[in-house]
ModelCIF file with pLDDT and N, C-alpha, C, O atoms, coordinates in Angstrom:
data_MODEL
#
_entry.id   MODEL 
#
_entity.id                         1 
_entity.type                       polymer 
_entity.pdbx_number_of_molecules   1 
#
_entity_poly.entity_id                      1 
_entity_poly.type                           'polypeptide(L)' 
_entity_poly.nstd_linkage                   no 
_entity_poly.nstd_monomer                   no 
_entity_poly.pdbx_seq_one_letter_code       ADEQLDAALAALSGFFLSSGGQPAADWSPHLRQH 
_entity_poly.pdbx_seq_one_letter_code_can   ADEQLDAALAALSGFFLSSGGQPAADWSPHLRQH 
_entity_poly.pdbx_strand_id                 A 
#
loop_
_entity_poly_seq.entity_id 
_entity_poly_seq.num 
_entity_poly_seq.mon_id 
_entity_poly_seq.hetero 
1 1  ALA n 
1 2  ASP n 
1 3  GLU n 
1 4  GLN n 
1 5  LEU n 
1 6  ASP n 
1 7  ALA n 
1 8  ALA n 
1 9  LEU n 
1 10 ALA n 
1 11 ALA n 
1 12 LEU n 
1 13 SER n 
1 14 GLY n 
1 15 PHE n 
1 16 PHE n 
1 17 LEU n 
1 18 SER n 
1 19 SER n 
1 20 GLY n 
1 21 GLY n 
1 22 GLN n 
1 23 PRO n 
1 24 ALA n 
1 25 ALA n 
1 26 ASP n 
1 27 TRP n 
1 28 SER n 
1 29 PRO n 
1 30 HIS n 
1 31 LEU n 
1 32 ARG n 
1 33 GLN n 
1 34 HIS n 
#
_struct_asym.id          A 
_struct_asym.entity_id   1 
#
loop_
_ma_qa_metric.id 
_ma_qa_metric.mode 
_ma_qa_metric.name 
_ma_qa_metric.software_group_id 
_ma_qa_metric.type 
1 global pLDDT . pLDDT 
2 local  pLDDT . pLDDT 
#
_ma_qa_metric_global.metric_id      1 
_ma_qa_metric_global.metric_value   96.74 
_ma_qa_metric_global.model_id       1 
_ma_qa_metric_global.ordinal_id     1 
#
loop_
_ma_qa_metric_local.label_asym_id 
_ma_qa_metric_local.label_comp_id 
_ma_qa_metric_local.label_seq_id 
_ma_qa_metric_local.metric_id 
_ma_qa_metric_local.metric_value 
_ma_qa_metric_local.model_id 
_ma_qa_metric_local.ordinal_id 
A ALA 1  2 98.00 1 1  
A ASP 2  2 98.00 1 2  
A GLU 3  2 98.00 1 3  
A GLN 4  2 98.00 1 4  
A LEU 5  2 98.00 1 5  
A ASP 6  2 98.00 1 6  
A ALA 7  2 98.00 1 7  
A ALA 8  2 98.00 1 8  
A LEU 9  2 98.00 1 9  
A ALA 10 2 98.00 1 10 
A ALA 11 2 97.00 1 11 
A LEU 12 2 97.00 1 12 
A SER 13 2 98.00 1 13 
A GLY 14 2 98.00 1 14 
A PHE 15 2 97.00 1 15 
A PHE 16 2 98.00 1 16 
A LEU 17 2 98.00 1 17 
A SER 18 2 98.00 1 18 
A SER 19 2 97.00 1 19 
A GLY 20 2 97.00 1 20 
A GLY 21 2 97.00 1 21 
A GLN 22 2 97.00 1 22 
A PRO 23 2 97.00 1 23 
A ALA 24 2 95.00 1 24 
A ALA 25 2 93.00 1 25 
A ASP 26 2 93.00 1 26 
A TRP 27 2 92.00 1 27 
A SER 28 2 94.00 1 28 
A PRO 29 2 93.00 1 29 
A HIS 30 2 96.00 1 30 
A LEU 31 2 96.00 1 31 
A ARG 32 2 97.00 1 32 
A GLN 33 2 97.00 1 33 
A HIS 34 2 97.00 1 34 
#
loop_
_atom_site.group_PDB 
_atom_site.id 
_atom_site.type_symbol 
_atom_site.label_atom_id 
_atom_site.label_alt_id 
_atom_site.label_comp_id 
_atom_site.label_asym_id 
_atom_site.label_entity_id 
_atom_site.label_seq_id 
_atom_site.pdbx_PDB_ins_code 
_atom_site.Cartn_x 
_atom_site.Cartn_y 
_atom_site.Cartn_z 
_atom_site.occupancy 
_atom_site.B_iso_or_equiv 
_atom_site.pdbx_formal_charge 
_atom_site.auth_seq_id 
_atom_site.auth_comp_id 
_atom_site.auth_asym_id 
_atom_site.auth_atom_id 
_atom_site.pdbx_PDB_model_num 
ATOM 1   N N  . ALA A 1 1  ? 85.615 -122.473 90.871 1.00 98.00 ? 1  ALA A N  1 
ATOM 2   C CA . ALA A 1 1  ? 86.288 -122.383 89.570 1.00 98.00 ? 1  ALA A CA 1 
ATOM 3   C C  . ALA A 1 1  ? 85.710 -123.410 88.602 1.00 98.00 ? 1  ALA A C  1 
ATOM 4   O O  . ALA A 1 1  ? 85.198 -124.449 89.018 1.00 98.00 ? 1  ALA A O  1 
ATOM 5   N N  . ASP A 1 2  ? 85.796 -123.112 87.322 1.00 98.00 ? 2  ASP A N  1 
ATOM 6   C CA . ASP A 1 2  ? 85.322 -124.040 86.292 1.00 98.00 ? 2  ASP A CA 1 
ATOM 7   C C  . ASP A 1 2  ? 85.951 -125.419 86.454 1.00 98.00 ? 2  ASP A C  1 
ATOM 8   O O  . ASP A 1 2  ? 85.288 -126.441 86.278 1.00 98.00 ? 2  ASP A O  1 
ATOM 9   N N  . GLU A 1 3  ? 87.237 -125.435 86.792 1.00 98.00 ? 3  GLU A N  1 
ATOM 10  C CA . GLU A 1 3  ? 87.947 -126.701 86.942 1.00 98.00 ? 3  GLU A CA 1 
ATOM 11  C C  . GLU A 1 3  ? 87.387 -127.533 88.097 1.00 98.00 ? 3  GLU A C  1 
ATOM 12  O O  . GLU A 1 3  ? 87.398 -128.763 88.042 1.00 98.00 ? 3  GLU A O  1 
ATOM 13  N N  . GLN A 1 4  ? 86.902 -126.866 89.131 1.00 98.00 ? 4  GLN A N  1 
ATOM 14  C CA . GLN A 1 4  ? 86.317 -127.589 90.258 1.00 98.00 ? 4  GLN A CA 1 
ATOM 15  C C  . GLN A 1 4  ? 85.016 -128.262 89.846 1.00 98.00 ? 4  GLN A C  1 
ATOM 16  O O  . GLN A 1 4  ? 84.773 -129.416 90.199 1.00 98.00 ? 4  GLN A O  1 
ATOM 17  N N  . LEU A 1 5  ? 84.183 -127.548 89.102 1.00 98.00 ? 5  LEU A N  1 
ATOM 18  C CA . LEU A 1 5  ? 82.943 -128.137 88.617 1.00 98.00 ? 5  LEU A CA 1 
ATOM 19  C C  . LEU A 1 5  ? 83.254 -129.300 87.680 1.00 98.00 ? 5  LEU A C  1 
ATOM 20  O O  . LEU A 1 5  ? 82.628 -130.356 87.775 1.00 98.00 ? 5  LEU A O  1 
ATOM 21  N N  . ASP A 1 6  ? 84.207 -129.115 86.785 1.00 98.00 ? 6  ASP A N  1 
ATOM 22  C CA . ASP A 1 6  ? 84.572 -130.192 85.861 1.00 98.00 ? 6  ASP A CA 1 
ATOM 23  C C  . ASP A 1 6  ? 85.102 -131.414 86.608 1.00 98.00 ? 6  ASP A C  1 
ATOM 24  O O  . ASP A 1 6  ? 84.783 -132.549 86.255 1.00 98.00 ? 6  ASP A O  1 
ATOM 25  N N  . ALA A 1 7  ? 85.907 -131.180 87.636 1.00 98.00 ? 7  ALA A N  1 
ATOM 26  C CA . ALA A 1 7  ? 86.435 -132.302 88.421 1.00 98.00 ? 7  ALA A CA 1 
ATOM 27  C C  . ALA A 1 7  ? 85.304 -133.046 89.126 1.00 98.00 ? 7  ALA A C  1 
ATOM 28  O O  . ALA A 1 7  ? 85.320 -134.275 89.194 1.00 98.00 ? 7  ALA A O  1 
ATOM 29  N N  . ALA A 1 8  ? 84.328 -132.316 89.647 1.00 98.00 ? 8  ALA A N  1 
ATOM 30  C CA . ALA A 1 8  ? 83.186 -132.960 90.303 1.00 98.00 ? 8  ALA A CA 1 
ATOM 31  C C  . ALA A 1 8  ? 82.388 -133.786 89.294 1.00 98.00 ? 8  ALA A C  1 
ATOM 32  O O  . ALA A 1 8  ? 81.980 -134.908 89.592 1.00 98.00 ? 8  ALA A O  1 
ATOM 33  N N  . LEU A 1 9  ? 82.170 -133.234 88.112 1.00 98.00 ? 9  LEU A N  1 
ATOM 34  C CA . LEU A 1 9  ? 81.428 -133.966 87.083 1.00 98.00 ? 9  LEU A CA 1 
ATOM 35  C C  . LEU A 1 9  ? 82.193 -135.211 86.635 1.00 98.00 ? 9  LEU A C  1 
ATOM 36  O O  . LEU A 1 9  ? 81.590 -136.258 86.402 1.00 98.00 ? 9  LEU A O  1 
ATOM 37  N N  . ALA A 1 10 ? 83.511 -135.104 86.514 1.00 98.00 ? 10 ALA A N  1 
ATOM 38  C CA . ALA A 1 10 ? 84.320 -136.269 86.130 1.00 98.00 ? 10 ALA A CA 1 
ATOM 39  C C  . ALA A 1 10 ? 84.247 -137.342 87.202 1.00 98.00 ? 10 ALA A C  1 
ATOM 40  O O  . ALA A 1 10 ? 84.082 -138.523 86.893 1.00 98.00 ? 10 ALA A O  1 
ATOM 41  N N  . ALA A 1 11 ? 84.367 -136.940 88.455 1.00 97.00 ? 11 ALA A N  1 
ATOM 42  C CA . ALA A 1 11 ? 84.299 -137.907 89.552 1.00 97.00 ? 11 ALA A CA 1 
ATOM 43  C C  . ALA A 1 11 ? 82.926 -138.564 89.624 1.00 97.00 ? 11 ALA A C  1 
ATOM 44  O O  . ALA A 1 11 ? 82.822 -139.777 89.807 1.00 97.00 ? 11 ALA A O  1 
ATOM 45  N N  . LEU A 1 12 ? 81.883 -137.769 89.482 1.00 97.00 ? 12 LEU A N  1 
ATOM 46  C CA . LEU A 1 12 ? 80.524 -138.326 89.534 1.00 97.00 ? 12 LEU A CA 1 
ATOM 47  C C  . LEU A 1 12 ? 80.265 -139.272 88.380 1.00 97.00 ? 12 LEU A C  1 
ATOM 48  O O  . LEU A 1 12 ? 79.694 -140.346 88.573 1.00 97.00 ? 12 LEU A O  1 
ATOM 49  N N  . SER A 1 13 ? 80.675 -138.887 87.187 1.00 98.00 ? 13 SER A N  1 
ATOM 50  C CA . SER A 1 13 ? 80.418 -139.769 86.041 1.00 98.00 ? 13 SER A CA 1 
ATOM 51  C C  . SER A 1 13 ? 81.174 -141.085 86.213 1.00 98.00 ? 13 SER A C  1 
ATOM 52  O O  . SER A 1 13 ? 80.629 -142.150 85.922 1.00 98.00 ? 13 SER A O  1 
ATOM 53  N N  . GLY A 1 14 ? 82.403 -141.025 86.674 1.00 98.00 ? 14 GLY A N  1 
ATOM 54  C CA . GLY A 1 14 ? 83.159 -142.250 86.911 1.00 98.00 ? 14 GLY A CA 1 
ATOM 55  C C  . GLY A 1 14 ? 82.525 -143.116 87.982 1.00 98.00 ? 14 GLY A C  1 
ATOM 56  O O  . GLY A 1 14 ? 82.415 -144.331 87.820 1.00 98.00 ? 14 GLY A O  1 
ATOM 57  N N  . PHE A 1 15 ? 82.106 -142.490 89.080 1.00 97.00 ? 15 PHE A N  1 
ATOM 58  C CA . PHE A 1 15 ? 81.469 -143.232 90.165 1.00 97.00 ? 15 PHE A CA 1 
ATOM 59  C C  . PHE A 1 15 ? 80.181 -143.901 89.684 1.00 97.00 ? 15 PHE A C  1 
ATOM 60  O O  . PHE A 1 15 ? 79.975 -145.095 89.903 1.00 97.00 ? 15 PHE A O  1 
ATOM 61  N N  . PHE A 1 16 ? 79.327 -143.132 89.035 1.00 98.00 ? 16 PHE A N  1 
ATOM 62  C CA . PHE A 1 16 ? 78.036 -143.673 88.615 1.00 98.00 ? 16 PHE A CA 1 
ATOM 63  C C  . PHE A 1 16 ? 78.175 -144.733 87.529 1.00 98.00 ? 16 PHE A C  1 
ATOM 64  O O  . PHE A 1 16 ? 77.481 -145.749 87.571 1.00 98.00 ? 16 PHE A O  1 
ATOM 65  N N  . LEU A 1 17 ? 79.058 -144.516 86.561 1.00 98.00 ? 17 LEU A N  1 
ATOM 66  C CA . LEU A 1 17 ? 79.220 -145.514 85.503 1.00 98.00 ? 17 LEU A CA 1 
ATOM 67  C C  . LEU A 1 17 ? 79.833 -146.793 86.046 1.00 98.00 ? 17 LEU A C  1 
ATOM 68  O O  . LEU A 1 17 ? 79.446 -147.891 85.646 1.00 98.00 ? 17 LEU A O  1 
ATOM 69  N N  . SER A 1 18 ? 80.781 -146.654 86.950 1.00 98.00 ? 18 SER A N  1 
ATOM 70  C CA . SER A 1 18 ? 81.368 -147.839 87.574 1.00 98.00 ? 18 SER A CA 1 
ATOM 71  C C  . SER A 1 18 ? 80.332 -148.580 88.420 1.00 98.00 ? 18 SER A C  1 
ATOM 72  O O  . SER A 1 18 ? 80.234 -149.805 88.353 1.00 98.00 ? 18 SER A O  1 
ATOM 73  N N  . SER A 1 19 ? 79.568 -147.843 89.205 1.00 97.00 ? 19 SER A N  1 
ATOM 74  C CA . SER A 1 19 ? 78.538 -148.459 90.048 1.00 97.00 ? 19 SER A CA 1 
ATOM 75  C C  . SER A 1 19 ? 77.446 -149.100 89.202 1.00 97.00 ? 19 SER A C  1 
ATOM 76  O O  . SER A 1 19 ? 76.951 -150.179 89.527 1.00 97.00 ? 19 SER A O  1 
ATOM 77  N N  . GLY A 1 20 ? 77.075 -148.432 88.122 1.00 97.00 ? 20 GLY A N  1 
ATOM 78  C CA . GLY A 1 20 ? 76.041 -148.968 87.247 1.00 97.00 ? 20 GLY A CA 1 
ATOM 79  C C  . GLY A 1 20 ? 76.436 -150.260 86.569 1.00 97.00 ? 20 GLY A C  1 
ATOM 80  O O  . GLY A 1 20 ? 75.571 -151.032 86.155 1.00 97.00 ? 20 GLY A O  1 
ATOM 81  N N  . GLY A 1 21 ? 77.732 -150.510 86.448 1.00 97.00 ? 21 GLY A N  1 
ATOM 82  C CA . GLY A 1 21 ? 78.218 -151.735 85.831 1.00 97.00 ? 21 GLY A CA 1 
ATOM 83  C C  . GLY A 1 21 ? 78.342 -152.904 86.795 1.00 97.00 ? 21 GLY A C  1 
ATOM 84  O O  . GLY A 1 21 ? 78.741 -153.997 86.395 1.00 97.00 ? 21 GLY A O  1 
ATOM 85  N N  . GLN A 1 22 ? 78.007 -152.688 88.046 1.00 97.00 ? 22 GLN A N  1 
ATOM 86  C CA . GLN A 1 22 ? 78.073 -153.753 89.047 1.00 97.00 ? 22 GLN A CA 1 
ATOM 87  C C  . GLN A 1 22 ? 76.907 -154.729 88.860 1.00 97.00 ? 22 GLN A C  1 
ATOM 88  O O  . GLN A 1 22 ? 75.934 -154.400 88.180 1.00 97.00 ? 22 GLN A O  1 
ATOM 89  N N  . PRO A 1 23 ? 76.989 -155.903 89.442 1.00 97.00 ? 23 PRO A N  1 
ATOM 90  C CA . PRO A 1 23 ? 75.872 -156.851 89.365 1.00 97.00 ? 23 PRO A CA 1 
ATOM 91  C C  . PRO A 1 23 ? 74.584 -156.239 89.929 1.00 97.00 ? 23 PRO A C  1 
ATOM 92  O O  . PRO A 1 23 ? 74.617 -155.332 90.760 1.00 97.00 ? 23 PRO A O  1 
ATOM 93  N N  . ALA A 1 24 ? 73.482 -156.749 89.463 1.00 95.00 ? 24 ALA A N  1 
ATOM 94  C CA . ALA A 1 24 ? 72.178 -156.249 89.911 1.00 95.00 ? 24 ALA A CA 1 
ATOM 95  C C  . ALA A 1 24 ? 72.087 -156.292 91.436 1.00 95.00 ? 24 ALA A C  1 
ATOM 96  O O  . ALA A 1 24 ? 72.618 -157.196 92.081 1.00 95.00 ? 24 ALA A O  1 
ATOM 97  N N  . ALA A 1 25 ? 71.411 -155.308 91.989 1.00 93.00 ? 25 ALA A N  1 
ATOM 98  C CA . ALA A 1 25 ? 71.223 -155.217 93.439 1.00 93.00 ? 25 ALA A CA 1 
ATOM 99  C C  . ALA A 1 25 ? 69.845 -155.765 93.778 1.00 93.00 ? 25 ALA A C  1 
ATOM 100 O O  . ALA A 1 25 ? 68.835 -155.226 93.326 1.00 93.00 ? 25 ALA A O  1 
ATOM 101 N N  . ASP A 1 26 ? 69.794 -156.820 94.562 1.00 93.00 ? 26 ASP A N  1 
ATOM 102 C CA . ASP A 1 26 ? 68.503 -157.437 94.867 1.00 93.00 ? 26 ASP A CA 1 
ATOM 103 C C  . ASP A 1 26 ? 67.606 -156.550 95.728 1.00 93.00 ? 26 ASP A C  1 
ATOM 104 O O  . ASP A 1 26 ? 66.394 -156.760 95.770 1.00 93.00 ? 26 ASP A O  1 
ATOM 105 N N  . TRP A 1 27 ? 68.178 -155.571 96.407 1.00 92.00 ? 27 TRP A N  1 
ATOM 106 C CA . TRP A 1 27 ? 67.378 -154.673 97.244 1.00 92.00 ? 27 TRP A CA 1 
ATOM 107 C C  . TRP A 1 27 ? 66.775 -153.515 96.450 1.00 92.00 ? 27 TRP A C  1 
ATOM 108 O O  . TRP A 1 27 ? 65.913 -152.797 96.955 1.00 92.00 ? 27 TRP A O  1 
ATOM 109 N N  . SER A 1 28 ? 67.229 -153.333 95.204 1.00 94.00 ? 28 SER A N  1 
ATOM 110 C CA . SER A 1 28 ? 66.711 -152.251 94.378 1.00 94.00 ? 28 SER A CA 1 
ATOM 111 C C  . SER A 1 28 ? 66.899 -152.628 92.911 1.00 94.00 ? 28 SER A C  1 
ATOM 112 O O  . SER A 1 28 ? 67.974 -152.404 92.354 1.00 94.00 ? 28 SER A O  1 
ATOM 113 N N  . PRO A 1 29 ? 65.889 -153.187 92.285 1.00 93.00 ? 29 PRO A N  1 
ATOM 114 C CA . PRO A 1 29 ? 66.052 -153.721 90.935 1.00 93.00 ? 29 PRO A CA 1 
ATOM 115 C C  . PRO A 1 29 ? 66.392 -152.689 89.857 1.00 93.00 ? 29 PRO A C  1 
ATOM 116 O O  . PRO A 1 29 ? 66.884 -153.060 88.792 1.00 93.00 ? 29 PRO A O  1 
ATOM 117 N N  . HIS A 1 30 ? 66.144 -151.423 90.107 1.00 96.00 ? 30 HIS A N  1 
ATOM 118 C CA . HIS A 1 30 ? 66.406 -150.393 89.096 1.00 96.00 ? 30 HIS A CA 1 
ATOM 119 C C  . HIS A 1 30 ? 67.625 -149.538 89.426 1.00 96.00 ? 30 HIS A C  1 
ATOM 120 O O  . HIS A 1 30 ? 67.928 -148.582 88.712 1.00 96.00 ? 30 HIS A O  1 
ATOM 121 N N  . LEU A 1 31 ? 68.324 -149.881 90.509 1.00 96.00 ? 31 LEU A N  1 
ATOM 122 C CA . LEU A 1 31 ? 69.455 -149.071 90.967 1.00 96.00 ? 31 LEU A CA 1 
ATOM 123 C C  . LEU A 1 31 ? 70.541 -148.960 89.900 1.00 96.00 ? 31 LEU A C  1 
ATOM 124 O O  . LEU A 1 31 ? 70.999 -147.854 89.614 1.00 96.00 ? 31 LEU A O  1 
ATOM 125 N N  . ARG A 1 32 ? 70.960 -150.067 89.310 1.00 97.00 ? 32 ARG A N  1 
ATOM 126 C CA . ARG A 1 32 ? 72.065 -150.028 88.340 1.00 97.00 ? 32 ARG A CA 1 
ATOM 127 C C  . ARG A 1 32 ? 71.688 -149.234 87.098 1.00 97.00 ? 32 ARG A C  1 
ATOM 128 O O  . ARG A 1 32 ? 72.527 -148.529 86.537 1.00 97.00 ? 32 ARG A O  1 
ATOM 129 N N  . GLN A 1 33 ? 70.440 -149.338 86.662 1.00 97.00 ? 33 GLN A N  1 
ATOM 130 C CA . GLN A 1 33 ? 69.973 -148.555 85.521 1.00 97.00 ? 33 GLN A CA 1 
ATOM 131 C C  . GLN A 1 33 ? 70.025 -147.062 85.863 1.00 97.00 ? 33 GLN A C  1 
ATOM 132 O O  . GLN A 1 33 ? 70.448 -146.245 85.045 1.00 97.00 ? 33 GLN A O  1 
ATOM 133 N N  . HIS A 1 34 ? 69.596 -146.720 87.063 1.00 97.00 ? 34 HIS A N  1 
ATOM 134 C CA . HIS A 1 34 ? 69.611 -145.318 87.493 1.00 97.00 ? 34 HIS A CA 1 
ATOM 135 C C  . HIS A 1 34 ? 71.052 -144.800 87.602 1.00 97.00 ? 34 HIS A C  1 
ATOM 136 O O  . HIS A 1 34 ? 71.265 -143.639 87.951 1.00 97.00 ? 34 HIS A O  1 
#
């Protein structure tokens, strides 16, 4: 359903934006930017 796709996109955007705002990762210097 459309709502399922939208829920997945909302969850992914929240996860990635939250993760991207974390301190830099010394094991992967470009991880937060990605």
